[in-house]
PDB file of all heavy atoms in Angstrom:
ATOM      1  N   GLY A   1       3.662  -6.828  -6.461  1.00  0.00           N
ATOM      2  CA  GLY A   1       3.574  -5.864  -7.550  1.00  0.00           C
ATOM      3  C   GLY A   1       2.764  -4.628  -7.223  1.00  0.00           C
ATOM      4  O   GLY A   1       2.203  -3.991  -8.128  1.00  0.00           O
ATOM      5  N   PHE A   2       2.691  -4.262  -5.941  1.00  0.00           N
ATOM      6  CA  PHE A   2       1.960  -3.054  -5.565  1.00  0.00           C
ATOM      7  C   PHE A   2       2.768  -1.810  -5.952  1.00  0.00           C
ATOM      8  O   PHE A   2       3.994  -1.782  -5.807  1.00  0.00           O
ATOM      9  CB  PHE A   2       1.687  -3.033  -4.060  1.00  0.00           C
ATOM     10  CG  PHE A   2       0.821  -4.171  -3.583  1.00  0.00           C
ATOM     11  CD1 PHE A   2       0.974  -4.688  -2.296  1.00  0.00           C
ATOM     12  CD2 PHE A   2      -0.147  -4.729  -4.394  1.00  0.00           C
ATOM     13  CE1 PHE A   2       0.191  -5.736  -1.849  1.00  0.00           C
ATOM     14  CE2 PHE A   2      -0.948  -5.777  -3.964  1.00  0.00           C
ATOM     15  CZ  PHE A   2      -0.773  -6.275  -2.680  1.00  0.00           C
ATOM     16  N   VAL A   3       2.058  -0.785  -6.400  1.00  0.00           N
ATOM     17  CA  VAL A   3       2.697   0.454  -6.854  1.00  0.00           C
ATOM     18  C   VAL A   3       2.260   1.599  -5.945  1.00  0.00           C
ATOM     19  O   VAL A   3       1.061   1.790  -5.715  1.00  0.00           O
ATOM     20  CB  VAL A   3       2.305   0.760  -8.320  1.00  0.00           C
ATOM     21  CG1 VAL A   3       2.966   2.049  -8.784  1.00  0.00           C
ATOM     22  CG2 VAL A   3       2.689  -0.408  -9.228  1.00  0.00           C
ATOM     23  N   ARG A   4       3.223   2.344  -5.446  1.00  0.00           N
ATOM     24  CA  ARG A   4       2.905   3.387  -4.474  1.00  0.00           C
ATOM     25  C   ARG A   4       1.960   4.442  -5.056  1.00  0.00           C
ATOM     26  O   ARG A   4       1.085   4.953  -4.349  1.00  0.00           O
ATOM     27  CB  ARG A   4       4.183   4.046  -3.959  1.00  0.00           C
ATOM     28  CG  ARG A   4       3.904   5.141  -2.946  1.00  0.00           C
ATOM     29  CD  ARG A   4       5.074   5.460  -2.068  1.00  0.00           C
ATOM     30  NE  ARG A   4       4.737   6.477  -1.085  1.00  0.00           N
ATOM     31  CZ  ARG A   4       5.446   6.736   0.006  1.00  0.00           C
ATOM     32  NH1 ARG A   4       6.545   6.042   0.248  1.00  0.00           N
ATOM     33  NH2 ARG A   4       5.078   7.672   0.848  1.00  0.00           N
ATOM     34  N   SER A   5       2.100   4.767  -6.323  1.00  0.00           N
ATOM     35  CA  SER A   5       1.243   5.794  -6.920  1.00  0.00           C
ATOM     36  C   SER A   5      -0.231   5.394  -6.852  1.00  0.00           C
ATOM     37  O   SER A   5      -1.106   6.241  -6.640  1.00  0.00           O
ATOM     38  CB  SER A   5       1.650   6.069  -8.370  1.00  0.00           C
ATOM     39  OG  SER A   5       1.536   4.890  -9.159  1.00  0.00           O
ATOM     40  N   ARG A   6      -0.515   4.113  -7.014  1.00  0.00           N
ATOM     41  CA  ARG A   6      -1.902   3.644  -6.923  1.00  0.00           C
ATOM     42  C   ARG A   6      -2.399   3.718  -5.491  1.00  0.00           C
ATOM     43  O   ARG A   6      -3.570   4.025  -5.243  1.00  0.00           O
ATOM     44  CB  ARG A   6      -2.015   2.221  -7.468  1.00  0.00           C
ATOM     45  CG  ARG A   6      -3.449   1.735  -7.635  1.00  0.00           C
ATOM     46  CD  ARG A   6      -3.512   0.438  -8.402  1.00  0.00           C
ATOM     47  NE  ARG A   6      -4.851  -0.121  -8.455  1.00  0.00           N
ATOM     48  CZ  ARG A   6      -5.775   0.218  -9.335  1.00  0.00           C
ATOM     49  NH1 ARG A   6      -5.504   1.130 -10.248  1.00  0.00           N
ATOM     50  NH2 ARG A   6      -6.972  -0.354  -9.326  1.00  0.00           N
ATOM     51  N   GLU A   7      -1.520   3.444  -4.536  1.00  0.00           N
ATOM     52  CA  GLU A   7      -1.893   3.582  -3.125  1.00  0.00           C
ATOM     53  C   GLU A   7      -2.225   5.039  -2.794  1.00  0.00           C
ATOM     54  O   GLU A   7      -3.126   5.323  -2.005  1.00  0.00           O
ATOM     55  CB  GLU A   7      -0.762   3.082  -2.233  1.00  0.00           C
ATOM     56  CG  GLU A   7      -0.348   1.635  -2.460  1.00  0.00           C
ATOM     57  CD  GLU A   7      -1.481   0.648  -2.249  1.00  0.00           C
ATOM     58  OE1 GLU A   7      -2.285   0.843  -1.320  1.00  0.00           O
ATOM     59  OE2 GLU A   7      -1.575  -0.318  -3.032  1.00  0.00           O
ATOM     60  N   GLU A   8      -1.504   5.952  -3.408  1.00  0.00           N
ATOM     61  CA  GLU A   8      -1.755   7.370  -3.148  1.00  0.00           C
ATOM     62  C   GLU A   8      -3.075   7.822  -3.759  1.00  0.00           C
ATOM     63  O   GLU A   8      -3.776   8.679  -3.194  1.00  0.00           O
ATOM     64  CB  GLU A   8      -0.582   8.203  -3.676  1.00  0.00           C
ATOM     65  CG  GLU A   8       0.689   7.984  -2.850  1.00  0.00           C
ATOM     66  CD  GLU A   8       1.918   8.615  -3.459  1.00  0.00           C
ATOM     67  OE1 GLU A   8       1.844   9.042  -4.644  1.00  0.00           O
ATOM     68  OE2 GLU A   8       2.956   8.685  -2.770  1.00  0.00           O
ATOM     69  N   VAL A   9      -3.442   7.234  -4.884  1.00  0.00           N
ATOM     70  CA  VAL A   9      -4.767   7.507  -5.459  1.00  0.00           C
ATOM     71  C   VAL A   9      -5.858   7.052  -4.488  1.00  0.00           C
ATOM     72  O   VAL A   9      -6.832   7.776  -4.238  1.00  0.00           O
ATOM     73  CB  VAL A   9      -4.932   6.786  -6.820  1.00  0.00           C
ATOM     74  CG1 VAL A   9      -6.395   6.840  -7.284  1.00  0.00           C
ATOM     75  CG2 VAL A   9      -4.027   7.399  -7.865  1.00  0.00           C
ATOM     76  N   SER A  10      -5.688   5.863  -3.925  1.00  0.00           N
ATOM     77  CA  SER A  10      -6.655   5.353  -2.954  1.00  0.00           C
ATOM     78  C   SER A  10      -6.745   6.263  -1.742  1.00  0.00           C
ATOM     79  O   SER A  10      -7.835   6.519  -1.219  1.00  0.00           O
ATOM     80  CB  SER A  10      -6.253   3.941  -2.534  1.00  0.00           C
ATOM     81  OG  SER A  10      -7.136   3.440  -1.561  1.00  0.00           O
ATOM     82  N   SER A  11      -5.604   6.743  -1.282  1.00  0.00           N
ATOM     83  CA  SER A  11      -5.577   7.638  -0.126  1.00  0.00           C
ATOM     84  C   SER A  11      -6.374   8.910  -0.397  1.00  0.00           C
ATOM     85  O   SER A  11      -7.153   9.367   0.453  1.00  0.00           O
ATOM     86  CB  SER A  11      -4.126   7.977   0.227  1.00  0.00           C
ATOM     87  OG  SER A  11      -4.068   8.860   1.315  1.00  0.00           O
ATOM     88  N   ARG A  12      -6.213   9.473  -1.562  1.00  0.00           N
ATOM     89  CA  ARG A  12      -6.955  10.696  -1.896  1.00  0.00           C
ATOM     90  C   ARG A  12      -8.450  10.407  -2.010  1.00  0.00           C
ATOM     91  O   ARG A  12      -9.286  11.180  -1.524  1.00  0.00           O
ATOM     92  CB  ARG A  12      -6.429  11.296  -3.204  1.00  0.00           C
ATOM     93  CG  ARG A  12      -5.019  11.870  -3.096  1.00  0.00           C
ATOM     94  CD  ARG A  12      -4.696  12.744  -4.294  1.00  0.00           C
ATOM     95  NE  ARG A  12      -4.667  11.993  -5.539  1.00  0.00           N
ATOM     96  CZ  ARG A  12      -3.589  11.374  -6.021  1.00  0.00           C
ATOM     97  NH1 ARG A  12      -2.446  11.412  -5.337  1.00  0.00           N
ATOM     98  NH2 ARG A  12      -3.639  10.725  -7.172  1.00  0.00           N
ATOM     99  N   LEU A  13      -8.793   9.253  -2.611  1.00  0.00           N
ATOM    100  CA  LEU A  13     -10.209   8.920  -2.799  1.00  0.00           C
ATOM    101  C   LEU A  13     -10.905   8.694  -1.465  1.00  0.00           C
ATOM    102  O   LEU A  13     -11.982   9.255  -1.212  1.00  0.00           O
ATOM    103  CB  LEU A  13     -10.333   7.673  -3.667  1.00  0.00           C
ATOM    104  CG  LEU A  13     -11.763   7.175  -3.916  1.00  0.00           C
ATOM    105  CD1 LEU A  13     -12.555   8.198  -4.718  1.00  0.00           C
ATOM    106  CD2 LEU A  13     -11.755   5.820  -4.638  1.00  0.00           C
ATOM    107  N   ILE A  14     -10.309   7.884  -0.614  1.00  0.00           N
ATOM    108  CA  ILE A  14     -10.960   7.553   0.659  1.00  0.00           C
ATOM    109  C   ILE A  14     -11.128   8.803   1.527  1.00  0.00           C
ATOM    110  O   ILE A  14     -12.125   8.955   2.235  1.00  0.00           O
ATOM    111  CB  ILE A  14     -10.177   6.440   1.397  1.00  0.00           C
ATOM    112  CG1 ILE A  14     -11.056   5.790   2.467  1.00  0.00           C
ATOM    113  CG2 ILE A  14      -8.896   6.956   2.006  1.00  0.00           C
ATOM    114  CD1 ILE A  14     -10.408   4.575   3.123  1.00  0.00           C
ATOM    115  N   SER A  15     -10.171   9.713   1.446  1.00  0.00           N
ATOM    116  CA  SER A  15     -10.233  10.934   2.248  1.00  0.00           C
ATOM    117  C   SER A  15     -11.342  11.867   1.768  1.00  0.00           C
ATOM    118  O   SER A  15     -11.915  12.618   2.570  1.00  0.00           O
ATOM    119  CB  SER A  15      -8.888  11.663   2.201  1.00  0.00           C
ATOM    120  OG  SER A  15      -7.862  10.853   2.724  1.00  0.00           O
ATOM    121  N   ARG A  16     -11.652  11.826   0.484  1.00  0.00           N
ATOM    122  CA  ARG A  16     -12.715  12.670  -0.059  1.00  0.00           C
ATOM    123  C   ARG A  16     -14.102  12.086   0.205  1.00  0.00           C
ATOM    124  O   ARG A  16     -15.067  12.830   0.411  1.00  0.00           O
ATOM    125  CB  ARG A  16     -12.513  12.847  -1.568  1.00  0.00           C
ATOM    126  CG  ARG A  16     -11.309  13.708  -1.925  1.00  0.00           C
ATOM    127  CD  ARG A  16     -11.033  13.686  -3.412  1.00  0.00           C
ATOM    128  NE  ARG A  16      -9.829  14.442  -3.756  1.00  0.00           N
ATOM    129  CZ  ARG A  16      -9.237  14.419  -4.939  1.00  0.00           C
ATOM    130  NH1 ARG A  16      -9.752  13.655  -5.908  1.00  0.00           N
ATOM    131  NH2 ARG A  16      -8.147  15.124  -5.175  1.00  0.00           N
ATOM    132  N   LEU A  17     -14.202  10.759   0.200  1.00  0.00           N
ATOM    133  CA  LEU A  17     -15.509  10.117   0.305  1.00  0.00           C
ATOM    134  C   LEU A  17     -15.991   9.948   1.745  1.00  0.00           C
ATOM    135  O   LEU A  17     -17.194  10.026   2.010  1.00  0.00           O
ATOM    136  CB  LEU A  17     -15.474   8.746  -0.367  1.00  0.00           C
ATOM    137  CG  LEU A  17     -15.264   8.716  -1.886  1.00  0.00           C
ATOM    138  CD1 LEU A  17     -15.181   7.271  -2.368  1.00  0.00           C
ATOM    139  CD2 LEU A  17     -16.401   9.438  -2.601  1.00  0.00           C
ATOM    140  N   TYR A  18     -15.079   9.684   2.675  1.00  0.00           N
ATOM    141  CA  TYR A  18     -15.461   9.313   4.042  1.00  0.00           C
ATOM    142  C   TYR A  18     -14.982  10.361   5.038  1.00  0.00           C
ATOM    143  O   TYR A  18     -13.864  10.862   4.933  1.00  0.00           O
ATOM    144  CB  TYR A  18     -14.862   7.952   4.409  1.00  0.00           C
ATOM    145  CG  TYR A  18     -15.356   6.803   3.567  1.00  0.00           C
ATOM    146  CD1 TYR A  18     -14.749   6.493   2.354  1.00  0.00           C
ATOM    147  CD2 TYR A  18     -16.434   6.021   3.979  1.00  0.00           C
ATOM    148  CE1 TYR A  18     -15.198   5.426   1.573  1.00  0.00           C
ATOM    149  CE2 TYR A  18     -16.886   4.960   3.209  1.00  0.00           C
ATOM    150  CZ  TYR A  18     -16.266   4.672   2.003  1.00  0.00           C
ATOM    151  OH  TYR A  18     -16.717   3.629   1.247  1.00  0.00           O
ATOM    152  N   LYS A  19     -15.823  10.658   6.014  1.00  0.00           N
ATOM    153  CA  LYS A  19     -15.499  11.634   7.055  1.00  0.00           C
ATOM    154  C   LYS A  19     -15.578  10.943   8.417  1.00  0.00           C
ATOM    155  O   LYS A  19     -16.661  10.702   8.938  1.00  0.00           O
ATOM    156  CB  LYS A  19     -16.467  12.818   7.013  1.00  0.00           C
ATOM    157  CG  LYS A  19     -16.520  13.507   5.655  1.00  0.00           C
ATOM    158  CD  LYS A  19     -15.141  13.998   5.214  1.00  0.00           C
ATOM    159  CE  LYS A  19     -15.190  14.605   3.804  1.00  0.00           C
ATOM    160  NZ  LYS A  19     -13.829  14.936   3.312  1.00  0.00           N
ATOM    161  N   PRO A  20     -14.438  10.604   8.998  1.00  0.00           N
ATOM    162  CA  PRO A  20     -14.437   9.873  10.274  1.00  0.00           C
ATOM    163  C   PRO A  20     -15.082  10.672  11.401  1.00  0.00           C
ATOM    164  O   PRO A  20     -14.949  11.895  11.469  1.00  0.00           O
ATOM    165  CB  PRO A  20     -12.944   9.651  10.548  1.00  0.00           C
ATOM    166  CG  PRO A  20     -12.268   9.814   9.222  1.00  0.00           C
ATOM    167  CD  PRO A  20     -13.077  10.814   8.476  1.00  0.00           C
ATOM    168  N   GLU A  21     -15.764   9.946  12.275  1.00  0.00           N
ATOM    169  CA  GLU A  21     -16.368  10.538  13.469  1.00  0.00           C
ATOM    170  C   GLU A  21     -16.049   9.647  14.665  1.00  0.00           C
ATOM    171  O   GLU A  21     -16.304   8.446  14.624  1.00  0.00           O
ATOM    172  CB  GLU A  21     -17.886  10.670  13.314  1.00  0.00           C
ATOM    173  CG  GLU A  21     -18.316  11.608  12.202  1.00  0.00           C
ATOM    174  CD  GLU A  21     -19.834  11.733  12.103  1.00  0.00           C
ATOM    175  OE1 GLU A  21     -20.526  11.149  12.965  1.00  0.00           O
ATOM    176  OE2 GLU A  21     -20.312  12.400  11.177  1.00  0.00           O
ATOM    177  N   GLY A  22     -15.490  10.252  15.726  1.00  0.00           N
ATOM    178  CA  GLY A  22     -15.162   9.502  16.932  1.00  0.00           C
ATOM    179  C   GLY A  22     -13.668   9.386  17.134  1.00  0.00           C
ATOM    180  O   GLY A  22     -12.858   9.887  16.355  1.00  0.00           O
ATOM    181  N   ASN A  23     -13.309   8.711  18.227  1.00  0.00           N
ATOM    182  CA  ASN A  23     -11.909   8.603  18.626  1.00  0.00           C
ATOM    183  C   ASN A  23     -11.617   7.171  19.059  1.00  0.00           C
ATOM    184  O   ASN A  23     -12.179   6.685  20.043  1.00  0.00           O
ATOM    185  CB  ASN A  23     -11.629   9.576  19.779  1.00  0.00           C
ATOM    186  CG  ASN A  23     -10.152   9.726  20.067  1.00  0.00           C
ATOM    187  OD1 ASN A  23      -9.373   8.800  19.845  1.00  0.00           O
ATOM    188  ND2 ASN A  23      -9.765  10.888  20.571  1.00  0.00           N
ATOM    189  N   LEU A  24     -10.738   6.504  18.349  1.00  0.00           N
ATOM    190  CA  LEU A  24     -10.409   5.114  18.672  1.00  0.00           C
ATOM    191  C   LEU A  24      -9.805   4.956  20.053  1.00  0.00           C
ATOM    192  O   LEU A  24     -10.055   3.963  20.739  1.00  0.00           O
ATOM    193  CB  LEU A  24      -9.439   4.560  17.634  1.00  0.00           C
ATOM    194  CG  LEU A  24     -10.016   3.985  16.349  1.00  0.00           C
ATOM    195  CD1 LEU A  24      -8.883   3.576  15.421  1.00  0.00           C
ATOM    196  CD2 LEU A  24     -10.922   2.801  16.636  1.00  0.00           C
ATOM    197  N   SER A  25      -8.988   5.911  20.463  1.00  0.00           N
ATOM    198  CA  SER A  25      -8.318   5.774  21.760  1.00  0.00           C
ATOM    199  C   SER A  25      -9.315   5.727  22.902  1.00  0.00           C
ATOM    200  O   SER A  25      -9.044   5.132  23.954  1.00  0.00           O
ATOM    201  CB  SER A  25      -7.301   6.902  21.969  1.00  0.00           C
ATOM    202  OG  SER A  25      -7.950   8.154  22.036  1.00  0.00           O
ATOM    203  N   ASP A  26     -10.476   6.344  22.734  1.00  0.00           N
ATOM    204  CA  ASP A  26     -11.513   6.277  23.772  1.00  0.00           C
ATOM    205  C   ASP A  26     -11.992   4.845  23.982  1.00  0.00           C
ATOM    206  O   ASP A  26     -12.466   4.486  25.066  1.00  0.00           O
ATOM    207  CB  ASP A  26     -12.712   7.155  23.400  1.00  0.00           C
ATOM    208  CG  ASP A  26     -12.380   8.641  23.439  1.00  0.00           C
ATOM    209  OD1 ASP A  26     -11.357   9.006  24.041  1.00  0.00           O
ATOM    210  OD2 ASP A  26     -13.140   9.424  22.842  1.00  0.00           O
ATOM    211  N   ILE A  27     -11.894   4.020  22.956  1.00  0.00           N
ATOM    212  CA  ILE A  27     -12.344   2.631  23.028  1.00  0.00           C
ATOM    213  C   ILE A  27     -11.211   1.699  23.445  1.00  0.00           C
ATOM    214  O   ILE A  27     -11.427   0.726  24.174  1.00  0.00           O
ATOM    215  CB  ILE A  27     -12.900   2.179  21.661  1.00  0.00           C
ATOM    216  CG1 ILE A  27     -14.030   3.101  21.207  1.00  0.00           C
ATOM    217  CG2 ILE A  27     -13.384   0.727  21.711  1.00  0.00           C
ATOM    218  CD1 ILE A  27     -14.504   2.820  19.782  1.00  0.00           C
ATOM    219  N   LEU A  28      -9.978   2.001  23.025  1.00  0.00           N
ATOM    220  CA  LEU A  28      -8.898   1.029  23.116  1.00  0.00           C
ATOM    221  C   LEU A  28      -7.853   1.292  24.196  1.00  0.00           C
ATOM    222  O   LEU A  28      -7.236   0.336  24.690  1.00  0.00           O
ATOM    223  CB  LEU A  28      -8.177   0.948  21.755  1.00  0.00           C
ATOM    224  CG  LEU A  28      -9.019   0.435  20.593  1.00  0.00           C
ATOM    225  CD1 LEU A  28      -8.233   0.518  19.289  1.00  0.00           C
ATOM    226  CD2 LEU A  28      -9.475  -0.990  20.838  1.00  0.00           C
ATOM    227  N   LEU A  29      -7.625   2.508  24.572  1.00  0.00           N
ATOM    228  CA  LEU A  29      -6.525   2.823  25.480  1.00  0.00           C
ATOM    229  C   LEU A  29      -6.627   2.050  26.793  1.00  0.00           C
ATOM    230  O   LEU A  29      -7.654   2.092  27.479  1.00  0.00           O
ATOM    231  CB  LEU A  29      -6.493   4.318  25.767  1.00  0.00           C
ATOM    232  CG  LEU A  29      -5.338   4.812  26.652  1.00  0.00           C
ATOM    233  CD1 LEU A  29      -3.985   4.551  25.994  1.00  0.00           C
ATOM    234  CD2 LEU A  29      -5.502   6.302  26.965  1.00  0.00           C
ATOM    235  N   ASN A  30      -5.567   1.295  27.084  1.00  0.00           N
ATOM    236  CA  ASN A  30      -5.436   0.515  28.328  1.00  0.00           C
ATOM    237  C   ASN A  30      -6.455  -0.622  28.452  1.00  0.00           C
ATOM    238  O   ASN A  30      -6.646  -1.161  29.549  1.00  0.00           O
ATOM    239  CB  ASN A  30      -5.542   1.425  29.563  1.00  0.00           C
ATOM    240  CG  ASN A  30      -4.419   2.433  29.633  1.00  0.00           C
ATOM    241  OD1 ASN A  30      -3.278   2.128  29.284  1.00  0.00           O
ATOM    242  ND2 ASN A  30      -4.737   3.648  30.068  1.00  0.00           N
ATOM    243  N   GLN A  31      -7.073  -1.005  27.359  1.00  0.00           N
ATOM    244  CA  GLN A  31      -8.075  -2.062  27.385  1.00  0.00           C
ATOM    245  C   GLN A  31      -7.497  -3.395  26.897  1.00  0.00           C
ATOM    246  O   GLN A  31      -6.567  -3.430  26.103  1.00  0.00           O
ATOM    247  CB  GLN A  31      -9.263  -1.694  26.496  1.00  0.00           C
ATOM    248  CG  GLN A  31     -10.004  -0.452  26.925  1.00  0.00           C
ATOM    249  CD  GLN A  31     -10.632  -0.596  28.290  1.00  0.00           C
ATOM    250  OE1 GLN A  31     -11.358  -1.561  28.551  1.00  0.00           O
ATOM    251  NE2 GLN A  31     -10.358   0.354  29.180  1.00  0.00           N
ATOM    252  N   GLU A  32      -8.065  -4.495  27.380  1.00  0.00           N
ATOM    253  CA  GLU A  32      -7.790  -5.805  26.804  1.00  0.00           C
ATOM    254  C   GLU A  32      -8.723  -6.007  25.624  1.00  0.00           C
ATOM    255  O   GLU A  32      -9.926  -5.783  25.735  1.00  0.00           O
ATOM    256  CB  GLU A  32      -8.012  -6.910  27.839  1.00  0.00           C
ATOM    257  CG  GLU A  32      -7.761  -8.309  27.302  1.00  0.00           C
ATOM    258  CD  GLU A  32      -7.870  -9.390  28.361  1.00  0.00           C
ATOM    259  OE1 GLU A  32      -7.803  -9.052  29.572  1.00  0.00           O
ATOM    260  OE2 GLU A  32      -8.024 -10.580  27.985  1.00  0.00           O
ATOM    261  N   VAL A  33      -8.173  -6.405  24.499  1.00  0.00           N
ATOM    262  CA  VAL A  33      -8.991  -6.558  23.307  1.00  0.00           C
ATOM    263  C   VAL A  33      -8.868  -7.973  22.760  1.00  0.00           C
ATOM    264  O   VAL A  33      -7.872  -8.664  22.992  1.00  0.00           O
ATOM    265  CB  VAL A  33      -8.622  -5.534  22.211  1.00  0.00           C
ATOM    266  CG1 VAL A  33      -8.641  -4.119  22.747  1.00  0.00           C
ATOM    267  CG2 VAL A  33      -7.264  -5.850  21.598  1.00  0.00           C
ATOM    268  N   THR A  34      -9.886  -8.392  22.047  1.00  0.00           N
ATOM    269  CA  THR A  34      -9.876  -9.654  21.322  1.00  0.00           C
ATOM    270  C   THR A  34     -10.113  -9.365  19.852  1.00  0.00           C
ATOM    271  O   THR A  34     -11.094  -8.703  19.498  1.00  0.00           O
ATOM    272  CB  THR A  34     -10.968 -10.609  21.839  1.00  0.00           C
ATOM    273  OG1 THR A  34     -10.657 -11.002  23.177  1.00  0.00           O
ATOM    274  CG2 THR A  34     -11.050 -11.854  20.963  1.00  0.00           C
ATOM    275  N   ILE A  35      -9.201  -9.843  19.013  1.00  0.00           N
ATOM    276  CA  ILE A  35      -9.359  -9.698  17.570  1.00  0.00           C
ATOM    277  C   ILE A  35      -9.737 -11.053  16.995  1.00  0.00           C
ATOM    278  O   ILE A  35      -9.041 -12.045  17.223  1.00  0.00           O
ATOM    279  CB  ILE A  35      -8.071  -9.175  16.913  1.00  0.00           C
ATOM    280  CG1 ILE A  35      -7.657  -7.831  17.521  1.00  0.00           C
ATOM    281  CG2 ILE A  35      -8.272  -9.035  15.397  1.00  0.00           C
ATOM    282  CD1 ILE A  35      -6.322  -7.315  17.020  1.00  0.00           C
ATOM    283  N   VAL A  36     -10.837 -11.084  16.266  1.00  0.00           N
ATOM    284  CA  VAL A  36     -11.305 -12.321  15.641  1.00  0.00           C
ATOM    285  C   VAL A  36     -10.886 -12.318  14.174  1.00  0.00           C
ATOM    286  O   VAL A  36     -11.204 -11.378  13.430  1.00  0.00           O
ATOM    287  CB  VAL A  36     -12.831 -12.461  15.750  1.00  0.00           C
ATOM    288  CG1 VAL A  36     -13.291 -13.769  15.121  1.00  0.00           C
ATOM    289  CG2 VAL A  36     -13.260 -12.395  17.209  1.00  0.00           C
TER     290      VAL A  36
END
């Protein structure tokens, strides 16, 4: 019962509140990873 309009509200909220810093590819590219 998920509604796309509510997901879009979340997208707008998270983008206003949080400012990402860094680059994931620097950590992950060509690396072996373990997910717990």
